[in-house]
Amino acid sequence: MNLKFKLVFIALVISGSACIAQTKMTVIKEESLSIKGEKVGTWDGKNVFGYTLDNGKMQVELTNYGGIISRIITPDKEGLQENIVLALETIPDYFTKNGPYLGAAVGRYANRIGTASFTLDGETFHLTKNSGQNTLHGGAKGFGVKVWKPEIYKKHGAVGVKMVYTSVDGEEGFPGNLTTTLWMELTSNNELRLLFESTTDKKTVVNLTNHSYFNLSGINGDVREHELQIFADAITPTGPGQIPTGEIKSVTGTPFDFQTPKNLGGQLDALGEGFDHNYVTKRANSAELKKIAIVKHPGSGRVMTVFSTAPGVQLYTANHVRNFPGADGKTYQPHWALCLEPEAWPDSPNKPSFPSANLAPGKKYVHEIVYRFGVEK
């Protein structure tokens, strides 16, 4: 039977003002899909909005400031709804307090570029140094602190927000005017889908991802009891400044081995430190949307499966998050979350043997990420 539901939306006009309207549409779903948004502040002279996507079973909160996912609220095996990503209390808090990149869209180049420089066609480009002598997550003011131009949308089985940001030639040292469109949508079958598309007018490098910190327990302590599986048989080991050496190293029989499901706490103990490593999910670039990881929390029953078209995924266990005041009165500590950041391999612009992160005029960069949520009882 065709069911009707109400979709509240914000139509953003060129001036940046917003009007709110209400419409009805017919879908073949038992669940109701809705999206609502409101202006929550201004930054850099631009309007910032908060959005809530709801499919009747889970909710995703996000904002056009930094393309940030501010909350993901999902049920546990008893039906208890809890937020499962590290968050700040309000969206305006992200303007000045988001040092760890909580939930942010990161770019132009996620992860690290060694010596904060790279060469394209014989020309060397010098980037902003914001991690020792290296560049991290696009420089001092990357995509995660920019106000994107938003537009809500609806389609069969999903609601979402489309955001556009143009990074001008020379921003943080990167060449070319790079225009990026980011689609962020929640589907009726509990998938949060992200799609990045970028074009440039000058040859450049690009590597975009999302930096959410997941804790499927509902952020009730650390993530040591999580079970993790990563579908990768190798990592790219690093040297000083966490810059890859250029090697591809097998994980088999090492603490980095998550080819079969492993207790994260046991692997942390075996490693003797936190994880902050790139896993090789593909040996070459391709458009294949590949299952790259499964995370489970046995206590709550929550399960997250991650898919990506990128050749790598960075596993980070919040090693440097210490005494950090988060939402709901919680203070975040090391290993209170894990990040799975699908992306190009770190320092690819300086490693010719790595899958290329170059983008030329007339070509399109495309990266799709899917987070699928469920429960095991």
Protein backbone atom coordinates (compact mmCIF):
# COMPACT_ATOMS: atom_id res chain seq x y z
CA MET A 1 0.00 0.00 0.00
CA ASN A 2 1.23 3.51 -0.78
CA LEU A 3 1.78 5.37 2.47
CA LYS A 4 1.94 9.13 2.84
CA PHE A 5 4.29 10.96 5.07
CA LYS A 6 5.11 14.57 5.71
CA LEU A 7 8.48 16.00 4.79
CA VAL A 8 9.42 19.28 6.39
CA PHE A 9 12.13 21.01 4.44
CA ILE A 10 14.14 24.18 4.17
CA ALA A 11 14.50 25.75 0.74
CA LEU A 12 17.69 27.75 0.78
CA VAL A 13 17.79 30.71 -1.61
CA ILE A 14 20.73 32.62 -3.02
CA SER A 15 20.62 35.29 -0.36
CA GLY A 16 21.20 32.64 2.30
CA SER A 17 17.82 33.19 3.92
CA ALA A 18 15.51 30.23 4.40
CA CYS A 19 11.80 29.63 4.17
CA ILE A 20 10.11 26.60 5.64
CA ALA A 21 7.42 24.75 3.75
CA GLN A 22 5.56 21.49 4.17
CA THR A 23 4.66 19.03 1.46
CA LYS A 24 3.35 15.48 1.05
CA MET A 25 4.63 12.69 -1.11
CA THR A 26 3.78 9.05 -1.63
CA VAL A 27 6.32 6.28 -0.97
CA ILE A 28 6.22 2.53 -0.82
CA LYS A 29 7.59 2.18 2.70
CA GLU A 30 6.24 1.30 6.11
CA GLU A 31 8.67 3.65 7.82
CA SER A 32 8.27 7.42 7.78
CA LEU A 33 11.16 9.47 6.48
CA SER A 34 11.49 13.08 7.53
CA ILE A 35 14.00 15.89 7.59
CA LYS A 36 13.85 19.13 9.52
CA GLY A 37 16.27 21.99 9.80
CA GLU A 38 16.76 25.30 11.51
CA LYS A 39 19.25 28.11 11.53
CA VAL A 40 21.53 27.73 14.56
CA GLY A 41 24.03 30.52 14.05
CA THR A 42 26.39 32.28 11.66
CA TRP A 43 30.06 31.79 10.92
CA ASP A 44 32.28 33.79 8.60
CA GLY A 45 29.21 35.83 7.62
CA LYS A 46 27.27 32.75 6.46
CA ASN A 47 24.20 31.03 7.88
CA VAL A 48 24.73 27.75 9.68
CA PHE A 49 21.91 25.22 9.86
CA GLY A 50 21.30 22.12 11.92
CA TYR A 51 19.44 19.23 10.32
CA THR A 52 17.80 16.10 11.70
CA LEU A 53 17.23 13.15 9.37
CA ASP A 54 14.77 10.56 10.72
CA ASN A 55 13.60 7.25 9.25
CA GLY A 56 11.35 6.27 12.15
CA LYS A 57 14.01 3.94 13.61
CA MET A 58 17.15 6.09 13.88
CA GLN A 59 18.15 9.72 13.55
CA VAL A 60 21.18 11.52 12.14
CA GLU A 61 21.96 15.11 13.07
CA LEU A 62 24.30 17.13 10.87
CA THR A 63 25.21 20.66 9.87
CA ASN A 64 26.49 22.59 6.87
CA TYR A 65 29.29 23.91 9.09
CA GLY A 66 32.16 21.62 8.19
CA GLY A 67 29.84 18.95 6.79
CA ILE A 68 29.79 17.68 10.37
CA ILE A 69 27.78 14.69 11.56
CA SER A 70 26.95 15.87 15.06
CA ARG A 71 24.94 12.87 16.32
CA ILE A 72 23.86 9.41 15.20
CA ILE A 73 21.09 8.03 17.40
CA THR A 74 20.38 4.31 17.08
CA PRO A 75 18.58 1.65 19.18
CA ASP A 76 20.31 -1.11 21.11
CA LYS A 77 18.97 -4.67 21.37
CA GLU A 78 16.48 -3.52 24.01
CA GLY A 79 15.29 -0.61 21.88
CA LEU A 80 17.14 2.05 23.90
CA GLN A 81 17.99 4.99 21.64
CA GLU A 82 21.46 6.47 22.25
CA ASN A 83 23.96 8.67 20.44
CA ILE A 84 26.91 6.61 19.16
CA VAL A 85 29.40 9.29 18.02
CA LEU A 86 31.53 11.65 20.08
CA ALA A 87 29.86 15.04 19.94
CA LEU A 88 29.78 18.58 21.25
CA GLU A 89 26.70 19.89 23.03
CA THR A 90 25.57 22.38 20.38
CA ILE A 91 26.46 23.07 16.77
CA PRO A 92 27.93 26.55 17.55
CA ASP A 93 30.34 24.76 19.91
CA TYR A 94 31.99 23.25 16.82
CA PHE A 95 32.99 26.72 15.61
CA THR A 96 35.86 26.97 18.09
CA LYS A 97 36.04 23.73 20.11
CA ASN A 98 36.40 20.96 17.52
CA GLY A 99 40.13 20.28 17.70
CA PRO A 100 39.72 16.51 17.18
CA TYR A 101 37.69 16.95 13.93
CA LEU A 102 34.64 15.32 15.54
CA GLY A 103 32.31 14.23 12.72
CA ALA A 104 33.87 16.59 10.20
CA ALA A 105 34.29 16.36 6.45
CA VAL A 106 38.05 16.58 6.01
CA GLY A 107 39.98 17.83 2.98
CA ARG A 108 41.38 18.92 0.64
CA TYR A 109 43.58 16.05 1.65
CA ALA A 110 42.54 13.82 4.54
CA ASN A 111 45.38 12.41 6.62
CA ARG A 112 49.01 13.49 6.14
CA ILE A 113 51.20 14.89 3.40
CA GLY A 114 54.89 14.67 4.31
CA THR A 115 57.03 17.83 4.45
CA ALA A 116 53.83 19.78 3.70
CA SER A 117 54.70 19.76 0.02
CA PHE A 118 54.31 17.77 -3.19
CA THR A 119 55.24 18.11 -6.85
CA LEU A 120 52.92 17.97 -9.86
CA ASP A 121 54.24 18.14 -13.42
CA GLY A 122 57.52 19.58 -12.18
CA GLU A 123 56.00 22.30 -10.00
CA THR A 124 56.33 22.07 -6.22
CA PHE A 125 53.47 23.24 -4.03
CA HIS A 126 54.07 24.21 -0.41
CA LEU A 127 51.19 23.62 1.98
CA THR A 128 50.33 24.87 5.46
CA LYS A 129 52.24 22.98 8.15
CA ASN A 130 49.87 22.05 10.95
CA SER A 131 51.32 18.73 12.18
CA GLY A 132 54.99 19.29 12.85
CA GLN A 133 56.63 19.65 9.43
CA ASN A 134 53.65 17.97 7.73
CA THR A 135 50.13 18.83 6.60
CA LEU A 136 47.22 17.07 8.30
CA HIS A 137 43.60 16.97 7.09
CA GLY A 138 43.99 19.80 4.60
CA GLY A 139 45.90 22.32 6.70
CA ALA A 140 45.06 24.85 9.37
CA LYS A 141 41.61 25.61 7.97
CA GLY A 142 40.44 22.58 6.05
CA PHE A 143 36.97 21.63 4.84
CA GLY A 144 35.82 20.78 8.37
CA VAL A 145 35.73 24.46 9.39
CA LYS A 146 34.10 25.85 6.25
CA VAL A 147 30.44 26.78 5.80
CA TRP A 148 29.05 24.75 2.92
CA LYS A 149 26.09 25.89 0.81
CA PRO A 150 23.24 23.51 1.72
CA GLU A 151 20.13 22.25 -0.02
CA ILE A 152 17.85 19.55 1.34
CA TYR A 153 16.49 16.83 -0.91
CA LYS A 154 14.25 13.81 -0.93
CA LYS A 155 14.16 10.75 -3.13
CA HIS A 156 12.63 7.30 -3.03
CA GLY A 157 13.72 5.70 0.24
CA ALA A 158 15.99 8.49 1.48
CA VAL A 159 16.19 12.08 2.70
CA GLY A 160 19.34 14.15 2.87
CA VAL A 161 21.30 17.36 2.55
CA LYS A 162 23.40 18.32 -0.45
CA MET A 163 26.27 20.67 0.38
CA VAL A 164 28.67 22.54 -1.92
CA TYR A 165 32.00 24.17 -1.10
CA THR A 166 34.52 25.74 -3.48
CA SER A 167 38.10 25.79 -2.28
CA VAL A 168 39.87 28.56 -4.17
CA ASP A 169 43.20 28.21 -5.95
CA GLY A 170 45.99 28.48 -3.37
CA GLU A 171 43.86 27.75 -0.30
CA GLU A 172 46.19 26.13 2.27
CA GLY A 173 48.70 25.96 -0.63
CA PHE A 174 46.73 23.55 -2.85
CA PRO A 175 46.48 24.36 -6.58
CA GLY A 176 43.25 24.84 -8.51
CA ASN A 177 39.75 26.00 -7.77
CA LEU A 178 38.23 22.79 -6.41
CA THR A 179 34.42 22.57 -6.23
CA THR A 180 33.14 19.77 -4.02
CA THR A 181 29.59 18.52 -3.62
CA LEU A 182 28.77 16.37 -0.62
CA TRP A 183 25.52 14.40 -0.38
CA MET A 184 24.63 13.13 3.12
CA GLU A 185 21.50 11.01 3.31
CA LEU A 186 19.67 8.59 5.60
CA THR A 187 17.82 5.71 3.97
CA SER A 188 14.79 3.76 5.13
CA ASN A 189 16.99 0.68 5.71
CA ASN A 190 19.28 2.36 8.26
CA GLU A 191 22.11 3.38 5.97
CA LEU A 192 23.91 6.70 6.27
CA ARG A 193 25.29 7.34 2.79
CA LEU A 194 27.92 9.96 1.96
CA LEU A 195 28.98 10.88 -1.55
CA PHE A 196 31.81 13.30 -2.37
CA GLU A 197 32.27 14.62 -5.90
CA SER A 198 34.94 17.18 -6.86
CA THR A 199 36.07 18.96 -10.01
CA THR A 200 39.02 21.29 -10.57
CA ASP A 201 40.25 23.83 -13.11
CA LYS A 202 43.92 22.99 -12.50
CA LYS A 203 45.67 19.71 -11.80
CA THR A 204 45.62 19.07 -8.08
CA VAL A 205 45.34 16.37 -5.40
CA VAL A 206 42.20 15.50 -3.48
CA ASN A 207 41.29 13.02 -0.74
CA LEU A 208 38.04 13.48 1.18
CA THR A 209 36.44 11.55 4.03
CA ASN A 210 34.37 11.85 7.17
CA HIS A 211 35.99 11.86 10.62
CA SER A 212 33.27 10.50 12.91
CA TYR A 213 34.30 8.91 16.20
CA PHE A 214 32.15 5.84 16.85
CA ASN A 215 31.31 4.21 20.16
CA LEU A 216 28.47 1.74 19.73
CA SER A 217 27.96 1.35 23.48
CA GLY A 218 26.23 4.73 23.53
CA ILE A 219 29.51 6.29 24.71
CA ASN A 220 29.40 4.58 28.07
CA GLY A 221 33.15 4.20 28.50
CA ASP A 222 35.93 3.09 26.18
CA VAL A 223 35.70 0.90 23.07
CA ARG A 224 37.87 -1.98 24.30
CA GLU A 225 34.90 -4.37 24.32
CA HIS A 226 34.08 -3.63 20.69
CA GLU A 227 34.67 -6.35 18.13
CA LEU A 228 36.33 -5.19 14.92
CA GLN A 229 36.89 -6.77 11.53
CA ILE A 230 38.72 -4.97 8.72
CA PHE A 231 38.77 -6.55 5.28
CA ALA A 232 42.42 -5.74 4.56
CA ASP A 233 45.53 -7.92 4.57
CA ALA A 234 48.09 -5.12 4.77
CA ILE A 235 48.89 -1.69 6.15
CA THR A 236 51.18 1.10 4.97
CA PRO A 237 53.70 1.37 7.84
CA THR A 238 54.89 4.80 8.90
CA GLY A 239 58.07 6.48 10.06
CA PRO A 240 58.71 9.85 11.73
CA GLY A 241 55.69 12.14 11.81
CA GLN A 242 53.49 9.14 10.92
CA ILE A 243 54.41 9.53 7.26
CA PRO A 244 54.28 6.25 5.29
CA THR A 245 57.63 4.71 4.43
CA GLY A 246 56.32 3.56 1.05
CA GLU A 247 56.09 -0.10 2.07
CA ILE A 248 53.03 -2.33 2.02
CA LYS A 249 53.26 -4.70 4.99
CA SER A 250 51.20 -7.81 5.69
CA VAL A 251 49.16 -7.73 8.90
CA THR A 252 48.93 -11.51 9.23
CA GLY A 253 49.99 -12.68 12.68
CA THR A 254 50.50 -9.13 14.01
CA PRO A 255 48.43 -6.92 16.33
CA PHE A 256 47.24 -5.11 13.19
CA ASP A 257 45.44 -8.24 11.98
CA PHE A 258 41.66 -7.73 11.95
CA GLN A 259 41.04 -10.00 8.96
CA THR A 260 38.85 -12.04 11.28
CA PRO A 261 36.80 -10.40 14.07
CA LYS A 262 38.98 -9.43 17.04
CA ASN A 263 38.36 -7.90 20.43
CA LEU A 264 39.72 -4.37 20.13
CA GLY A 265 41.01 -4.27 23.71
CA GLY A 266 43.07 -7.40 23.15
CA GLN A 267 44.62 -5.93 20.02
CA LEU A 268 45.35 -2.65 21.81
CA ASP A 269 47.13 -4.58 24.56
CA ALA A 270 49.12 -6.59 22.00
CA LEU A 271 50.14 -3.43 20.14
CA GLY A 272 51.02 -1.58 23.33
CA GLU A 273 49.76 1.72 21.93
CA GLY A 274 46.78 3.13 20.08
CA PHE A 275 45.99 2.54 16.43
CA ASP A 276 46.47 5.31 13.86
CA HIS A 277 47.22 3.33 10.71
CA ASN A 278 46.11 3.07 7.10
CA TYR A 279 44.73 -0.33 6.05
CA VAL A 280 44.99 -1.38 2.42
CA THR A 281 41.47 -2.25 1.26
CA LYS A 282 42.38 -2.05 -2.44
CA ARG A 283 45.70 -2.13 -4.27
CA ALA A 284 44.44 0.27 -6.97
CA ASN A 285 41.75 2.90 -7.41
CA SER A 286 38.38 1.61 -8.61
CA ALA A 287 34.70 2.56 -8.46
CA GLU A 288 33.81 -0.64 -6.59
CA LEU A 289 31.82 0.00 -3.39
CA LYS A 290 33.53 -2.52 -1.14
CA LYS A 291 32.69 -3.75 2.35
CA ILE A 292 35.73 -2.70 4.36
CA ALA A 293 34.83 -3.14 8.05
CA ILE A 294 32.35 -4.46 10.59
CA VAL A 295 32.14 -3.12 14.14
CA LYS A 296 30.08 -4.81 16.87
CA HIS A 297 29.41 -4.02 20.51
CA PRO A 298 28.25 -7.25 22.17
CA GLY A 299 26.81 -5.51 25.22
CA SER A 300 24.37 -3.32 23.31
CA GLY A 301 24.02 -5.56 20.27
CA ARG A 302 24.72 -2.64 17.93
CA VAL A 303 26.47 -3.41 14.64
CA MET A 304 27.94 -1.04 12.05
CA THR A 305 29.12 -2.17 8.62
CA VAL A 306 31.24 0.23 6.56
CA PHE A 307 31.52 0.33 2.76
CA SER A 308 33.73 2.60 0.63
CA THR A 309 35.08 3.10 -2.87
CA ALA A 310 38.45 4.36 -1.58
CA PRO A 311 41.64 2.22 -1.58
CA GLY A 312 42.31 2.59 2.15
CA VAL A 313 40.81 3.17 5.59
CA GLN A 314 42.52 4.82 8.55
CA LEU A 315 41.87 3.14 11.89
CA TYR A 316 42.26 5.63 14.73
CA THR A 317 41.41 4.84 18.34
CA ALA A 318 41.15 8.39 19.71
CA ASN A 319 44.62 8.14 21.22
CA HIS A 320 45.00 11.88 21.77
CA VAL A 321 41.50 12.63 23.05
CA ARG A 322 42.06 13.26 26.74
CA ASN A 323 39.84 15.02 29.31
CA PHE A 324 37.82 16.41 26.43
CA PRO A 325 34.44 17.91 27.44
CA GLY A 326 31.82 16.35 25.19
CA ALA A 327 28.05 16.36 24.93
CA ASP A 328 25.65 15.17 27.63
CA GLY A 329 28.08 15.98 30.42
CA LYS A 330 30.57 13.30 29.38
CA THR A 331 34.33 13.76 29.41
CA TYR A 332 36.03 11.85 26.61
CA GLN A 333 39.26 9.97 27.20
CA PRO A 334 41.73 7.99 25.06
CA HIS A 335 40.18 4.95 23.33
CA TRP A 336 36.63 6.15 23.99
CA ALA A 337 35.95 5.86 20.27
CA LEU A 338 37.28 4.45 17.05
CA CYS A 339 37.44 6.21 13.71
CA LEU A 340 37.26 4.33 10.42
CA GLU A 341 38.20 6.96 7.84
CA PRO A 342 37.89 5.61 4.28
CA GLU A 343 40.34 7.50 2.09
CA ALA A 344 43.31 7.51 -0.25
CA TRP A 345 46.57 6.29 1.24
CA PRO A 346 48.42 8.91 3.31
CA ASP A 347 51.13 10.90 1.52
CA SER A 348 50.07 9.52 -1.87
CA PRO A 349 51.17 12.75 -3.63
CA ASN A 350 54.75 11.92 -2.62
CA LYS A 351 54.58 8.16 -3.19
CA PRO A 352 54.43 7.31 -6.91
CA SER A 353 53.90 3.62 -6.09
CA PHE A 354 50.69 4.39 -4.16
CA PRO A 355 47.29 4.67 -5.89
CA SER A 356 47.19 8.20 -7.30
CA ALA A 357 45.26 11.00 -5.59
CA ASN A 358 45.71 13.35 -8.56
CA LEU A 359 42.74 15.09 -10.17
CA ALA A 360 42.94 16.80 -13.56
CA PRO A 361 40.59 19.31 -15.20
CA GLY A 362 37.77 17.55 -17.02
CA LYS A 363 37.87 14.61 -14.59
CA LYS A 364 35.75 14.00 -11.50
CA TYR A 365 36.82 12.77 -8.07
CA VAL A 366 34.17 10.48 -6.60
CA HIS A 367 34.19 8.86 -3.17
CA GLU A 368 31.20 7.02 -1.72
CA ILE A 369 30.95 5.90 1.93
CA VAL A 370 28.10 3.88 3.44
CA TYR A 371 27.55 3.20 7.14
CA ARG A 372 24.92 0.50 7.70
CA PHE A 373 23.51 0.15 11.21
CA GLY A 374 21.78 -2.83 12.79
CA VAL A 375 21.30 -4.86 15.96
CA GLU A 376 22.20 -8.42 16.92
CA LYS A 377 20.33 -9.85 19.90
